[in-house]
Amino acid sequence: MNFKGTRSIRKDDVTRLVELAGGTWNGYTWLDVTSYFETVQSDALEAMLRLEASRMTECLYSRTEVDRERTVVISELQGSENDPRTYLDKEVTGTALQAHPYRWPTIGYLSDLRAITRDDLYAHYRRYYVPNNSILVVAGDFDTPRALGLVRRHFGKIRAGADPPQVRTQEPPQGGERRLTLRRPSGAAYLDVAFHAPAAADPDFATLLLLDGILAGGPTVNAWRGHDGRGSVKSSRLYRALVEGDLASEVSTSVVPTRHPYLYRIVVTAKQGIEPVRIEAALDTEIDRLARGDLEPRDLERARNQFLARYALESESTTDAAHQLGFFETIGGHALFLDLPRRVAAVGAADVARLARARLAADRRTVGTLVPAGPSAVAAAAPDGPTR
């Protein structure tokens, strides 16, 4: 709804402003943050500040546009429900996290999307779109004093609102392994294993980055580029054990920088004819190796170098630099992002082994399995049959 024009800027003019400046723009909502960003030529800075100040205070929320957008979001939700991996992800998250709001899917639930009113949306907008709940990042070619003057001109008169309520609920310790099995139309069987992960400010977060690097290859901390997980690199332990071991066609992992403790995920697509229990046994073997300290110095060095290379690559553009600074500011401070290379460099083999024992134990995990059912399951079971 905040892309639909404001009292000062018509809907069609919003896109035109960005395009005339030779730019692109986008936005997203996920877990800790709602982010809007534009990348434009430097002489369009004031136009973008005017746009964002207007978006903060003057969005219209017409009932017609609300009804149109409701249809779009419901269609998106139903599309994701038909994707077996997305559906499994949602069910595993809701099982692994039973108290903290991170358990709720960002897109919400169908009943809420149908019931929510224009006034509900607008009340949320007015409560949370206030300067004291916002972070502004400017990155690129600009004169700092002039830029700060423009910021004061366009945002300085916007009144602060009431401070939004803080999340007080903490996820209680998990007292034993949790399991779920889903049967849905699918061209393959999937295994999704979730472990409780430390928040970005926790000293163990850097250790988790290296642990994941050893298992799967250089992880990303750029939520805009990769919060849905990424495939493991061919030199990693999981790729060699599962893909080269002829058990899986794909394995991916996900480490997410968050304000509160979240989840570390390993998701595997089983090869046809392979029972998920065999994949789980192979995962257990690799995790046990880490927990026992089965690490060579080159393993740690390779994982560290892969992370640092990806960290640099995904921070070098103006858009990525601005995004990373703003994103990390929402989850504990931009210094967390800038300090990550130092924190990762300080992690040793004993730290990785300790974290594997503490965080990846069987009684701390949630294991979700999706088994093909229905017409596509028949195709998946056929040795030479087509898959969809």
Protein backbone atom coordinates (compact mmCIF):
# COMPACT_ATOMS: atom_id res chain seq x y z
CA MET A 1 0.00 0.00 0.00
CA ASN A 2 2.94 2.32 0.51
CA PHE A 3 3.76 2.17 -3.21
CA LYS A 4 0.30 3.48 -4.18
CA GLY A 5 0.94 7.22 -4.04
CA THR A 6 0.56 9.88 -1.33
CA ARG A 7 -1.24 13.17 -0.81
CA SER A 8 1.71 14.98 -2.41
CA ILE A 9 2.83 12.45 -5.03
CA ARG A 10 0.43 10.68 -7.35
CA LYS A 11 0.72 6.92 -7.77
CA ASP A 12 2.02 7.16 -11.35
CA ASP A 13 4.46 9.94 -10.42
CA VAL A 14 6.16 7.82 -7.75
CA THR A 15 7.66 5.44 -10.31
CA ARG A 16 8.29 8.28 -12.77
CA LEU A 17 10.40 10.18 -10.20
CA VAL A 18 12.73 7.23 -9.78
CA GLU A 19 12.92 6.35 -13.46
CA LEU A 20 13.64 9.94 -14.49
CA ALA A 21 16.61 9.81 -12.12
CA GLY A 22 17.90 6.73 -13.94
CA GLY A 23 17.21 4.62 -10.91
CA THR A 24 15.58 1.56 -9.45
CA TRP A 25 13.60 1.07 -6.29
CA ASN A 26 12.14 -1.74 -4.25
CA GLY A 27 11.18 -2.84 -0.77
CA TYR A 28 10.43 -5.86 1.39
CA THR A 29 9.21 -6.92 4.83
CA TRP A 30 10.77 -9.81 6.75
CA LEU A 31 11.22 -10.73 10.43
CA ASP A 32 12.85 -7.62 11.96
CA VAL A 33 12.55 -4.99 9.24
CA THR A 34 10.52 -3.31 6.55
CA SER A 35 12.90 -1.71 4.06
CA TYR A 36 12.42 0.71 1.16
CA PHE A 37 15.30 1.77 -1.04
CA GLU A 38 16.10 3.71 -4.18
CA THR A 39 19.34 3.78 -6.16
CA VAL A 40 19.51 6.91 -8.32
CA GLN A 41 21.98 9.41 -9.74
CA SER A 42 23.37 11.67 -7.04
CA ASP A 43 21.61 14.86 -8.13
CA ALA A 44 18.26 13.18 -7.35
CA LEU A 45 18.96 12.86 -3.62
CA GLU A 46 16.51 15.56 -2.59
CA ALA A 47 13.74 14.10 -4.76
CA MET A 48 14.19 10.72 -3.03
CA LEU A 49 14.20 12.28 0.44
CA ARG A 50 10.99 14.11 -0.44
CA LEU A 51 9.49 10.83 -1.66
CA GLU A 52 10.39 8.92 1.51
CA ALA A 53 9.23 11.70 3.83
CA SER A 54 5.92 11.71 2.00
CA ARG A 55 5.71 7.92 2.21
CA MET A 56 6.24 8.15 5.98
CA THR A 57 3.38 10.58 6.56
CA GLU A 58 0.99 10.89 3.60
CA CYS A 59 0.09 7.47 2.20
CA LEU A 60 -3.57 7.31 1.18
CA TYR A 61 -4.81 3.75 1.79
CA SER A 62 -7.87 4.11 -0.42
CA ARG A 63 -10.39 1.33 0.04
CA THR A 64 -10.24 0.50 -3.67
CA GLU A 65 -6.48 0.05 -3.58
CA VAL A 66 -6.72 -2.00 -0.36
CA ASP A 67 -9.15 -4.42 -2.04
CA ARG A 68 -6.91 -4.71 -5.10
CA GLU A 69 -3.81 -5.34 -3.02
CA ARG A 70 -5.65 -7.86 -0.86
CA THR A 71 -6.31 -9.94 -3.99
CA VAL A 72 -2.64 -9.74 -5.00
CA VAL A 73 -1.34 -10.80 -1.58
CA ILE A 74 -3.85 -13.65 -1.26
CA SER A 75 -2.76 -14.91 -4.67
CA GLU A 76 0.88 -14.75 -3.53
CA LEU A 77 0.04 -16.66 -0.36
CA GLN A 78 -1.82 -19.37 -2.25
CA GLY A 79 1.03 -19.67 -4.72
CA SER A 80 3.52 -20.22 -1.91
CA GLU A 81 1.21 -22.80 -0.31
CA ASN A 82 1.50 -24.83 -3.52
CA ASP A 83 5.31 -24.84 -3.34
CA PRO A 84 6.32 -27.91 -1.29
CA ARG A 85 9.56 -26.44 0.05
CA THR A 86 7.91 -23.18 1.11
CA TYR A 87 5.07 -25.08 2.77
CA LEU A 88 7.52 -27.33 4.63
CA ASP A 89 9.54 -24.29 5.72
CA LYS A 90 6.46 -22.68 7.24
CA GLU A 91 5.45 -25.83 9.11
CA VAL A 92 8.94 -26.50 10.45
CA THR A 93 9.33 -22.89 11.62
CA GLY A 94 6.01 -23.02 13.46
CA THR A 95 7.04 -26.27 15.14
CA ALA A 96 10.58 -25.26 16.08
CA LEU A 97 9.44 -21.88 17.47
CA GLN A 98 6.41 -22.13 19.71
CA ALA A 99 6.43 -18.79 21.56
CA HIS A 100 8.42 -16.09 19.77
CA PRO A 101 6.68 -14.05 17.01
CA TYR A 102 9.31 -15.22 14.50
CA ARG A 103 7.13 -18.33 14.22
CA TRP A 104 4.50 -16.41 12.25
CA PRO A 105 4.91 -16.32 8.45
CA THR A 106 5.62 -12.79 7.23
CA ILE A 107 2.81 -12.89 4.70
CA GLY A 108 0.33 -13.89 7.42
CA TYR A 109 -2.64 -16.23 7.24
CA LEU A 110 -5.50 -16.36 4.78
CA SER A 111 -8.15 -15.62 7.42
CA ASP A 112 -6.32 -12.43 8.46
CA LEU A 113 -5.80 -11.27 4.87
CA ARG A 114 -9.50 -11.66 4.20
CA ALA A 115 -10.62 -10.01 7.44
CA ILE A 116 -8.23 -7.07 7.75
CA THR A 117 -9.84 -3.70 7.01
CA ARG A 118 -8.58 -0.48 5.52
CA ASP A 119 -8.77 1.12 8.96
CA ASP A 120 -6.72 -1.73 10.49
CA LEU A 121 -3.98 -1.14 7.93
CA TYR A 122 -4.00 2.60 8.29
CA ALA A 123 -3.83 2.38 12.10
CA HIS A 124 -0.78 0.14 11.80
CA TYR A 125 0.80 2.57 9.34
CA ARG A 126 0.29 5.57 11.61
CA ARG A 127 1.60 3.72 14.66
CA TYR A 128 4.82 2.36 13.17
CA TYR A 129 5.77 4.79 10.39
CA VAL A 130 7.26 7.42 12.67
CA PRO A 131 10.80 8.89 12.88
CA ASN A 132 11.58 7.24 16.21
CA ASN A 133 10.94 3.83 14.62
CA SER A 134 12.89 4.52 11.42
CA ILE A 135 16.46 4.46 10.13
CA LEU A 136 17.60 6.54 7.15
CA VAL A 137 20.75 5.54 5.28
CA VAL A 138 22.37 7.59 2.51
CA ALA A 139 25.30 6.02 0.67
CA GLY A 140 27.20 7.14 -2.42
CA ASP A 141 28.39 10.39 -3.98
CA PHE A 142 27.10 13.34 -1.92
CA ASP A 143 28.25 16.29 0.15
CA THR A 144 27.62 15.36 3.78
CA PRO A 145 26.66 18.80 5.21
CA ARG A 146 24.31 19.45 2.31
CA ALA A 147 22.78 15.98 2.61
CA LEU A 148 22.16 16.43 6.33
CA GLY A 149 20.55 19.79 5.61
CA LEU A 150 18.18 18.13 3.14
CA VAL A 151 17.34 15.42 5.64
CA ARG A 152 16.44 18.05 8.25
CA ARG A 153 14.38 19.96 5.69
CA HIS A 154 12.22 16.99 4.73
CA PHE A 155 12.12 14.94 7.93
CA GLY A 156 12.79 17.48 10.67
CA LYS A 157 9.18 18.57 11.10
CA ILE A 158 7.72 15.05 11.24
CA ARG A 159 6.59 14.41 14.78
CA ALA A 160 7.72 11.36 16.71
CA GLY A 161 5.07 8.87 17.69
CA ALA A 162 4.68 6.63 20.69
CA ASP A 163 7.53 4.16 20.95
CA PRO A 164 6.37 0.83 19.47
CA PRO A 165 6.11 -2.03 21.96
CA GLN A 166 9.18 -4.23 22.31
CA VAL A 167 9.07 -8.00 21.88
CA ARG A 168 9.17 -9.44 25.38
CA THR A 169 8.44 -13.11 24.69
CA GLN A 170 11.52 -15.32 24.70
CA GLU A 171 11.53 -18.75 23.12
CA PRO A 172 11.83 -21.31 25.95
CA PRO A 173 14.52 -23.99 25.72
CA GLN A 174 13.57 -26.96 23.59
CA GLY A 175 13.32 -30.05 25.74
CA GLY A 176 13.52 -32.73 23.08
CA GLU A 177 13.51 -33.45 19.38
CA ARG A 178 10.41 -32.45 17.42
CA ARG A 179 9.30 -34.18 14.21
CA LEU A 180 6.65 -33.70 11.59
CA THR A 181 5.81 -35.46 8.36
CA LEU A 182 3.80 -33.88 5.56
CA ARG A 183 2.28 -35.65 2.56
CA ARG A 184 1.64 -33.30 -0.33
CA PRO A 185 1.85 -33.25 -4.14
CA SER A 186 5.54 -32.89 -4.94
CA GLY A 187 8.09 -34.04 -7.47
CA ALA A 188 10.57 -34.94 -4.74
CA ALA A 189 10.94 -35.69 -1.05
CA TYR A 190 12.42 -32.95 1.15
CA LEU A 191 14.10 -32.92 4.53
CA ASP A 192 14.18 -29.66 6.53
CA VAL A 193 16.19 -29.69 9.77
CA ALA A 194 16.05 -26.62 12.02
CA PHE A 195 18.29 -25.83 14.99
CA HIS A 196 17.96 -22.89 17.39
CA ALA A 197 20.48 -20.22 16.37
CA PRO A 198 22.00 -17.25 18.22
CA ALA A 199 21.02 -13.65 17.50
CA ALA A 200 23.43 -11.51 15.48
CA ALA A 201 24.81 -9.77 18.59
CA ASP A 202 25.53 -13.07 20.35
CA PRO A 203 29.25 -13.98 20.39
CA ASP A 204 28.28 -17.39 19.00
CA PHE A 205 26.86 -15.88 15.79
CA ALA A 206 30.31 -15.55 14.21
CA THR A 207 31.07 -19.13 15.22
CA LEU A 208 27.86 -20.28 13.53
CA LEU A 209 28.95 -18.52 10.34
CA LEU A 210 32.17 -20.56 10.28
CA LEU A 211 30.40 -23.78 11.28
CA ASP A 212 28.03 -23.29 8.35
CA GLY A 213 30.95 -22.43 6.10
CA ILE A 214 32.54 -25.79 6.88
CA LEU A 215 29.30 -27.69 6.33
CA ALA A 216 28.06 -25.83 3.25
CA GLY A 217 30.45 -23.06 2.11
CA GLY A 218 30.56 -19.29 2.60
CA PRO A 219 27.26 -18.10 4.13
CA THR A 220 25.63 -14.78 3.33
CA VAL A 221 24.58 -12.19 5.90
CA ASN A 222 22.76 -10.09 3.28
CA ALA A 223 19.06 -10.72 3.88
CA TRP A 224 18.11 -8.92 0.67
CA ARG A 225 20.23 -11.32 -1.40
CA GLY A 226 19.84 -14.62 0.34
CA HIS A 227 17.50 -15.07 3.32
CA ASP A 228 15.85 -18.05 1.60
CA GLY A 229 19.03 -20.08 1.85
CA ARG A 230 21.65 -20.95 -0.73
CA GLY A 231 23.07 -24.09 -2.20
CA SER A 232 26.23 -25.58 -0.74
CA VAL A 233 29.54 -25.18 -2.57
CA LYS A 234 31.10 -28.27 -4.13
CA SER A 235 34.05 -28.34 -1.73
CA SER A 236 31.82 -28.37 1.36
CA ARG A 237 31.17 -31.39 3.57
CA LEU A 238 27.42 -31.54 2.97
CA TYR A 239 27.80 -31.39 -0.80
CA ARG A 240 30.35 -34.20 -0.80
CA ALA A 241 28.35 -36.35 1.63
CA LEU A 242 24.90 -35.86 0.11
CA VAL A 243 25.17 -34.77 -3.51
CA GLU A 244 28.38 -36.57 -4.46
CA GLY A 245 27.23 -39.38 -2.17
CA ASP A 246 24.25 -39.86 -4.53
CA LEU A 247 21.69 -39.26 -1.77
CA ALA A 248 20.46 -35.77 -2.71
CA SER A 249 20.07 -33.60 -5.77
CA GLU A 250 20.44 -30.40 -3.73
CA VAL A 251 21.36 -29.26 -0.22
CA SER A 252 21.09 -25.71 1.08
CA THR A 253 21.54 -23.99 4.43
CA SER A 254 20.40 -20.72 5.94
CA VAL A 255 22.06 -18.51 8.57
CA VAL A 256 20.03 -15.38 9.30
CA PRO A 257 21.26 -12.32 11.22
CA THR A 258 18.37 -11.41 13.55
CA ARG A 259 17.68 -9.28 16.63
CA HIS A 260 16.40 -12.27 18.62
CA PRO A 261 17.47 -15.93 18.43
CA TYR A 262 16.11 -17.58 15.29
CA LEU A 263 16.89 -20.80 13.37
CA TYR A 264 19.72 -22.41 11.47
CA ARG A 265 18.36 -24.54 8.63
CA ILE A 266 19.59 -27.44 6.51
CA VAL A 267 17.24 -28.31 3.64
CA VAL A 268 17.82 -31.32 1.41
CA THR A 269 16.12 -32.47 -1.78
CA ALA A 270 16.25 -36.27 -1.88
CA LYS A 271 17.14 -38.09 -5.05
CA GLN A 272 14.46 -40.37 -6.45
CA GLY A 273 14.28 -43.61 -4.55
CA ILE A 274 16.27 -42.34 -1.55
CA GLU A 275 14.54 -42.53 1.82
CA PRO A 276 14.92 -39.34 3.91
CA VAL A 277 16.15 -41.47 6.84
CA ARG A 278 19.34 -42.22 4.88
CA ILE A 279 19.90 -38.49 4.34
CA GLU A 280 19.32 -37.81 8.02
CA ALA A 281 21.91 -40.43 8.96
CA ALA A 282 24.46 -38.77 6.67
CA LEU A 283 23.70 -35.37 8.22
CA ASP A 284 24.18 -36.85 11.69
CA THR A 285 27.58 -38.17 10.66
CA GLU A 286 28.78 -34.77 9.44
CA ILE A 287 27.47 -32.94 12.50
CA ASP A 288 29.06 -35.53 14.79
CA ARG A 289 32.40 -34.97 13.03
CA LEU A 290 32.21 -31.29 13.89
CA ALA A 291 31.14 -31.96 17.47
CA ARG A 292 34.15 -34.27 17.94
CA GLY A 293 36.50 -31.60 16.65
CA ASP A 294 37.30 -33.41 13.40
CA LEU A 295 38.72 -30.29 11.77
CA GLU A 296 41.91 -29.54 9.90
CA PRO A 297 43.36 -26.00 9.98
CA ARG A 298 42.72 -25.74 6.23
CA ASP A 299 38.99 -26.46 6.79
CA LEU A 300 38.69 -23.47 9.07
CA GLU A 301 40.80 -21.26 6.82
CA ARG A 302 38.81 -22.18 3.72
CA ALA A 303 35.50 -21.43 5.47
CA ARG A 304 36.84 -18.13 6.81
CA ASN A 305 38.11 -17.03 3.38
CA GLN A 306 34.87 -18.01 1.67
CA PHE A 307 32.85 -15.98 4.16
CA LEU A 308 35.10 -12.91 3.88
CA ALA A 309 34.95 -13.06 0.07
CA ARG A 310 31.17 -13.21 0.09
CA TYR A 311 30.95 -10.51 2.76
CA ALA A 312 32.99 -8.17 0.55
CA LEU A 313 31.18 -9.09 -2.68
CA GLU A 314 27.74 -8.55 -1.17
CA SER A 315 28.69 -5.20 0.36
CA GLU A 316 30.51 -3.50 -2.52
CA SER A 317 27.66 -1.85 -4.42
CA THR A 318 26.09 1.37 -3.19
CA THR A 319 22.74 -0.37 -2.76
CA ASP A 320 24.21 -3.30 -0.81
CA ALA A 321 26.33 -1.05 1.41
CA ALA A 322 23.32 1.07 2.34
CA HIS A 323 21.13 -1.98 2.85
CA GLN A 324 23.60 -3.74 5.13
CA LEU A 325 24.17 -0.70 7.33
CA GLY A 326 20.44 -0.06 7.69
CA PHE A 327 19.50 -3.71 8.15
CA PHE A 328 22.05 -4.35 10.89
CA GLU A 329 21.07 -1.10 12.61
CA THR A 330 17.58 -2.56 13.07
CA ILE A 331 18.90 -5.73 14.71
CA GLY A 332 21.39 -4.23 17.15
CA GLY A 333 23.57 -1.62 15.46
CA HIS A 334 25.53 -1.23 12.22
CA ALA A 335 28.74 -1.91 14.17
CA LEU A 336 27.65 -5.56 14.26
CA PHE A 337 28.03 -5.65 10.49
CA LEU A 338 31.32 -3.74 10.35
CA ASP A 339 32.81 -5.92 13.10
CA LEU A 340 31.91 -9.29 11.57
CA PRO A 341 35.27 -9.87 9.80
CA ARG A 342 37.13 -9.38 13.10
CA ARG A 343 34.71 -11.64 14.97
CA VAL A 344 34.98 -14.36 12.33
CA ALA A 345 38.79 -14.13 12.31
CA ALA A 346 38.84 -14.80 16.07
CA VAL A 347 36.89 -18.09 15.86
CA GLY A 348 38.93 -21.24 16.44
CA ALA A 349 38.35 -24.96 15.84
CA ALA A 350 37.43 -25.53 19.50
CA ASP A 351 34.71 -22.86 19.22
CA VAL A 352 33.16 -24.65 16.23
CA ALA A 353 33.20 -28.02 17.99
CA ARG A 354 31.66 -26.52 21.13
CA LEU A 355 28.86 -24.86 19.15
CA ALA A 356 28.11 -28.07 17.25
CA ARG A 357 27.75 -29.94 20.54
CA ALA A 358 25.63 -27.23 22.13
CA ARG A 359 23.40 -26.17 19.23
CA LEU A 360 23.21 -29.08 16.79
CA ALA A 361 22.41 -31.90 19.21
CA ALA A 362 19.52 -34.18 18.26
CA ASP A 363 17.41 -33.15 21.25
CA ARG A 364 17.60 -29.48 20.17
CA ARG A 365 16.39 -29.92 16.59
CA THR A 366 13.17 -30.03 14.63
CA VAL A 367 13.06 -32.44 11.70
CA GLY A 368 10.46 -31.94 8.98
CA THR A 369 9.95 -34.40 6.13
CA LEU A 370 7.77 -33.85 3.09
CA VAL A 371 6.79 -37.05 1.32
CA PRO A 372 5.30 -36.86 -2.20
CA ALA A 373 1.61 -37.74 -2.41
CA GLY A 374 -0.87 -37.53 -5.26
CA PRO A 375 -0.30 -37.68 -9.04
CA SER A 376 3.15 -36.05 -9.00
CA ALA A 377 4.32 -38.63 -6.46
CA VAL A 378 3.71 -41.38 -9.02
CA ALA A 379 5.90 -39.53 -11.53
CA ALA A 380 8.60 -39.00 -8.93
CA ALA A 381 8.62 -42.70 -8.01
CA ALA A 382 9.02 -43.90 -11.59
CA PRO A 383 12.70 -44.67 -12.36
CA ASP A 384 12.64 -42.93 -15.74
CA GLY A 385 9.46 -40.93 -15.34
CA PRO A 386 9.12 -37.17 -15.72
CA THR A 387 9.22 -34.90 -12.69
CA ARG A 388 7.37 -31.65 -12.17
